Amino acid sequence: MSGFGRLGDILVQKGLLSAEQLKKGLAKQKESGAKIGRALQDLGFVSSLQVAQALAEQFSLPLVDLSKTKVP
């Protein structure tokens, strides 16, 4: 899936998150006011890299891993 799908749905479709985990993440998001990616990370359901990969897919952009790139 690409092209502006919802972040949580992308993570579920990729098999990185269960529907129940997404539901818990959405509840935490509502409670804390955090972005869904942050809420899911805070709950320990996904990593920051997994969120970044899903966001790149969501917006049809390449993911650039700066840890593997030499920046002058």
N, C-alpha and C. Protein backbone atom coordinates (compact mmCIF):
# COMPACT_ATOMS: atom_id res chain seq x y z
N MET A 1 0.85 -1.19 0.00
CA MET A 1 0.00 0.00 0.00
C MET A 1 0.88 1.23 0.00
N SER A 2 0.52 2.21 -0.76
CA SER A 2 1.23 3.48 -0.73
C SER A 2 0.26 4.58 -1.11
N GLY A 3 0.68 5.80 -0.87
CA GLY A 3 -0.15 6.92 -1.28
C GLY A 3 -1.15 7.35 -0.23
N PHE A 4 -0.67 7.73 0.92
CA PHE A 4 -1.46 8.39 1.94
C PHE A 4 -2.45 7.50 2.69
N GLY A 5 -2.15 6.22 2.85
CA GLY A 5 -2.94 5.38 3.74
C GLY A 5 -2.65 5.81 5.17
N ARG A 6 -3.40 5.31 6.11
CA ARG A 6 -3.17 5.66 7.51
C ARG A 6 -1.98 4.87 8.04
N LEU A 7 -1.17 5.53 8.85
CA LEU A 7 0.07 4.94 9.34
C LEU A 7 -0.18 3.62 10.07
N GLY A 8 -1.13 3.59 10.97
CA GLY A 8 -1.43 2.36 11.70
C GLY A 8 -1.84 1.23 10.78
N ASP A 9 -2.64 1.54 9.78
CA ASP A 9 -3.07 0.52 8.82
C ASP A 9 -1.89 -0.03 8.02
N ILE A 10 -0.96 0.84 7.67
CA ILE A 10 0.24 0.40 6.94
C ILE A 10 1.04 -0.57 7.80
N LEU A 11 1.22 -0.24 9.07
CA LEU A 11 1.98 -1.10 9.98
C LEU A 11 1.29 -2.45 10.16
N VAL A 12 -0.03 -2.45 10.22
CA VAL A 12 -0.78 -3.71 10.34
C VAL A 12 -0.62 -4.52 9.05
N GLN A 13 -0.76 -3.88 7.90
CA GLN A 13 -0.63 -4.58 6.62
C GLN A 13 0.76 -5.18 6.43
N LYS A 14 1.78 -4.52 6.96
CA LYS A 14 3.14 -5.01 6.85
C LYS A 14 3.41 -6.14 7.86
N GLY A 15 2.46 -6.42 8.74
CA GLY A 15 2.62 -7.46 9.73
C GLY A 15 3.49 -7.05 10.92
N LEU A 16 3.68 -5.74 11.09
CA LEU A 16 4.50 -5.22 12.18
C LEU A 16 3.69 -4.91 13.43
N LEU A 17 2.38 -4.95 13.28
CA LEU A 17 1.48 -4.54 14.34
C LEU A 17 0.19 -5.34 14.21
N SER A 18 -0.38 -5.74 15.32
CA SER A 18 -1.67 -6.43 15.26
C SER A 18 -2.80 -5.40 15.35
N ALA A 19 -3.97 -5.81 14.97
CA ALA A 19 -5.13 -4.91 15.06
C ALA A 19 -5.38 -4.51 16.51
N GLU A 20 -5.16 -5.43 17.45
CA GLU A 20 -5.35 -5.14 18.87
C GLU A 20 -4.31 -4.12 19.35
N GLN A 21 -3.07 -4.26 18.89
CA GLN A 21 -2.03 -3.29 19.26
C GLN A 21 -2.37 -1.91 18.71
N LEU A 22 -2.87 -1.87 17.49
CA LEU A 22 -3.26 -0.59 16.90
C LEU A 22 -4.37 0.05 17.72
N LYS A 23 -5.32 -0.75 18.15
CA LYS A 23 -6.42 -0.23 18.97
C LYS A 23 -5.88 0.37 20.27
N LYS A 24 -4.94 -0.32 20.91
CA LYS A 24 -4.33 0.19 22.13
C LYS A 24 -3.53 1.47 21.85
N GLY A 25 -2.85 1.49 20.71
CA GLY A 25 -2.10 2.68 20.33
C GLY A 25 -3.00 3.88 20.09
N LEU A 26 -4.13 3.65 19.47
CA LEU A 26 -5.07 4.75 19.23
C LEU A 26 -5.65 5.27 20.54
N ALA A 27 -5.87 4.38 21.51
CA ALA A 27 -6.35 4.81 22.82
C ALA A 27 -5.29 5.66 23.53
N LYS A 28 -4.03 5.23 23.44
CA LYS A 28 -2.94 5.99 24.05
C LYS A 28 -2.79 7.34 23.36
N GLN A 29 -2.93 7.36 22.05
CA GLN A 29 -2.85 8.61 21.29
C GLN A 29 -3.92 9.59 21.76
N LYS A 30 -5.13 9.09 21.92
CA LYS A 30 -6.24 9.94 22.36
C LYS A 30 -5.99 10.47 23.77
N GLU A 31 -5.46 9.61 24.63
CA GLU A 31 -5.20 9.98 26.02
C GLU A 31 -4.06 10.99 26.14
N SER A 32 -2.99 10.79 25.37
CA SER A 32 -1.79 11.61 25.53
C SER A 32 -1.71 12.78 24.56
N GLY A 33 -2.42 12.69 23.44
CA GLY A 33 -2.32 13.72 22.41
C GLY A 33 -1.11 13.56 21.51
N ALA A 34 -0.38 12.45 21.68
CA ALA A 34 0.81 12.18 20.87
C ALA A 34 0.40 11.74 19.47
N LYS A 35 1.33 11.83 18.54
CA LYS A 35 1.12 11.27 17.21
C LYS A 35 1.03 9.76 17.35
N ILE A 36 0.36 9.09 16.41
CA ILE A 36 0.16 7.65 16.51
C ILE A 36 1.48 6.89 16.48
N GLY A 37 2.42 7.32 15.66
CA GLY A 37 3.72 6.65 15.61
C GLY A 37 4.42 6.70 16.95
N ARG A 38 4.38 7.85 17.61
CA ARG A 38 5.00 8.01 18.93
C ARG A 38 4.27 7.15 19.96
N ALA A 39 2.96 7.14 19.92
CA ALA A 39 2.19 6.34 20.87
C ALA A 39 2.53 4.85 20.73
N LEU A 40 2.64 4.37 19.50
CA LEU A 40 2.96 2.97 19.27
C LEU A 40 4.38 2.64 19.72
N GLN A 41 5.30 3.58 19.53
CA GLN A 41 6.67 3.39 20.01
C GLN A 41 6.71 3.37 21.53
N ASP A 42 6.00 4.30 22.16
CA ASP A 42 5.98 4.38 23.62
C ASP A 42 5.44 3.09 24.25
N LEU A 43 4.52 2.45 23.56
CA LEU A 43 3.97 1.19 24.04
C LEU A 43 4.90 0.01 23.74
N GLY A 44 5.94 0.26 22.97
CA GLY A 44 6.90 -0.79 22.64
C GLY A 44 6.45 -1.72 21.53
N PHE A 45 5.45 -1.29 20.76
CA PHE A 45 4.91 -2.14 19.70
C PHE A 45 5.72 -2.08 18.42
N VAL A 46 6.33 -0.95 18.13
CA VAL A 46 7.12 -0.77 16.92
C VAL A 46 8.36 0.07 17.25
N SER A 47 9.34 -0.01 16.37
CA SER A 47 10.56 0.79 16.54
C SER A 47 10.45 2.09 15.75
N SER A 48 11.35 3.00 16.03
CA SER A 48 11.36 4.26 15.27
C SER A 48 11.67 4.00 13.80
N LEU A 49 12.51 3.00 13.51
CA LEU A 49 12.81 2.67 12.12
C LEU A 49 11.57 2.15 11.41
N GLN A 50 10.79 1.31 12.08
CA GLN A 50 9.57 0.78 11.48
C GLN A 50 8.57 1.90 11.19
N VAL A 51 8.47 2.85 12.10
CA VAL A 51 7.59 4.00 11.88
C VAL A 51 8.09 4.82 10.70
N ALA A 52 9.40 5.06 10.64
CA ALA A 52 9.97 5.83 9.54
C ALA A 52 9.73 5.14 8.20
N GLN A 53 9.90 3.82 8.16
CA GLN A 53 9.65 3.08 6.93
C GLN A 53 8.19 3.17 6.50
N ALA A 54 7.29 3.07 7.46
CA ALA A 54 5.86 3.17 7.15
C ALA A 54 5.49 4.58 6.69
N LEU A 55 6.09 5.59 7.32
CA LEU A 55 5.84 6.97 6.89
C LEU A 55 6.36 7.21 5.47
N ALA A 56 7.52 6.66 5.17
CA ALA A 56 8.06 6.79 3.81
C ALA A 56 7.10 6.16 2.81
N GLU A 57 6.57 5.00 3.16
CA GLU A 57 5.60 4.34 2.28
C GLU A 57 4.31 5.16 2.18
N GLN A 58 3.86 5.67 3.31
CA GLN A 58 2.61 6.44 3.35
C GLN A 58 2.67 7.62 2.39
N PHE A 59 3.81 8.29 2.34
CA PHE A 59 3.94 9.49 1.51
C PHE A 59 4.68 9.24 0.20
N SER A 60 4.89 7.96 -0.13
CA SER A 60 5.56 7.58 -1.38
C SER A 60 6.90 8.27 -1.54
N LEU A 61 7.69 8.24 -0.46
CA LEU A 61 9.01 8.86 -0.46
C LEU A 61 10.05 7.79 -0.12
N PRO A 62 11.27 7.97 -0.63
CA PRO A 62 12.32 7.02 -0.24
C PRO A 62 12.77 7.28 1.19
N LEU A 63 13.18 6.23 1.87
CA LEU A 63 13.70 6.37 3.22
C LEU A 63 15.21 6.49 3.12
N VAL A 64 15.77 7.52 3.71
CA VAL A 64 17.21 7.73 3.71
C VAL A 64 17.73 7.44 5.10
N ASP A 65 18.59 6.44 5.21
CA ASP A 65 19.19 6.09 6.49
C ASP A 65 20.51 6.84 6.62
N LEU A 66 20.51 7.91 7.38
CA LEU A 66 21.70 8.74 7.51
C LEU A 66 22.81 8.06 8.29
N SER A 67 22.49 7.01 9.04
CA SER A 67 23.54 6.30 9.75
C SER A 67 24.43 5.52 8.80
N LYS A 68 23.96 5.32 7.58
CA LYS A 68 24.73 4.60 6.56
C LYS A 68 25.27 5.54 5.50
N THR A 69 25.15 6.84 5.75
CA THR A 69 25.57 7.84 4.79
C THR A 69 26.61 8.76 5.43
N LYS A 70 27.69 9.01 4.69
CA LYS A 70 28.70 9.94 5.19
C LYS A 70 28.27 11.34 4.81
N VAL A 71 28.06 12.17 5.82
CA VAL A 71 27.64 13.54 5.59
C VAL A 71 28.85 14.45 5.82
N PRO A 72 29.23 15.22 4.79
CA PRO A 72 30.39 16.10 4.93
C PRO A 72 30.16 17.24 5.91
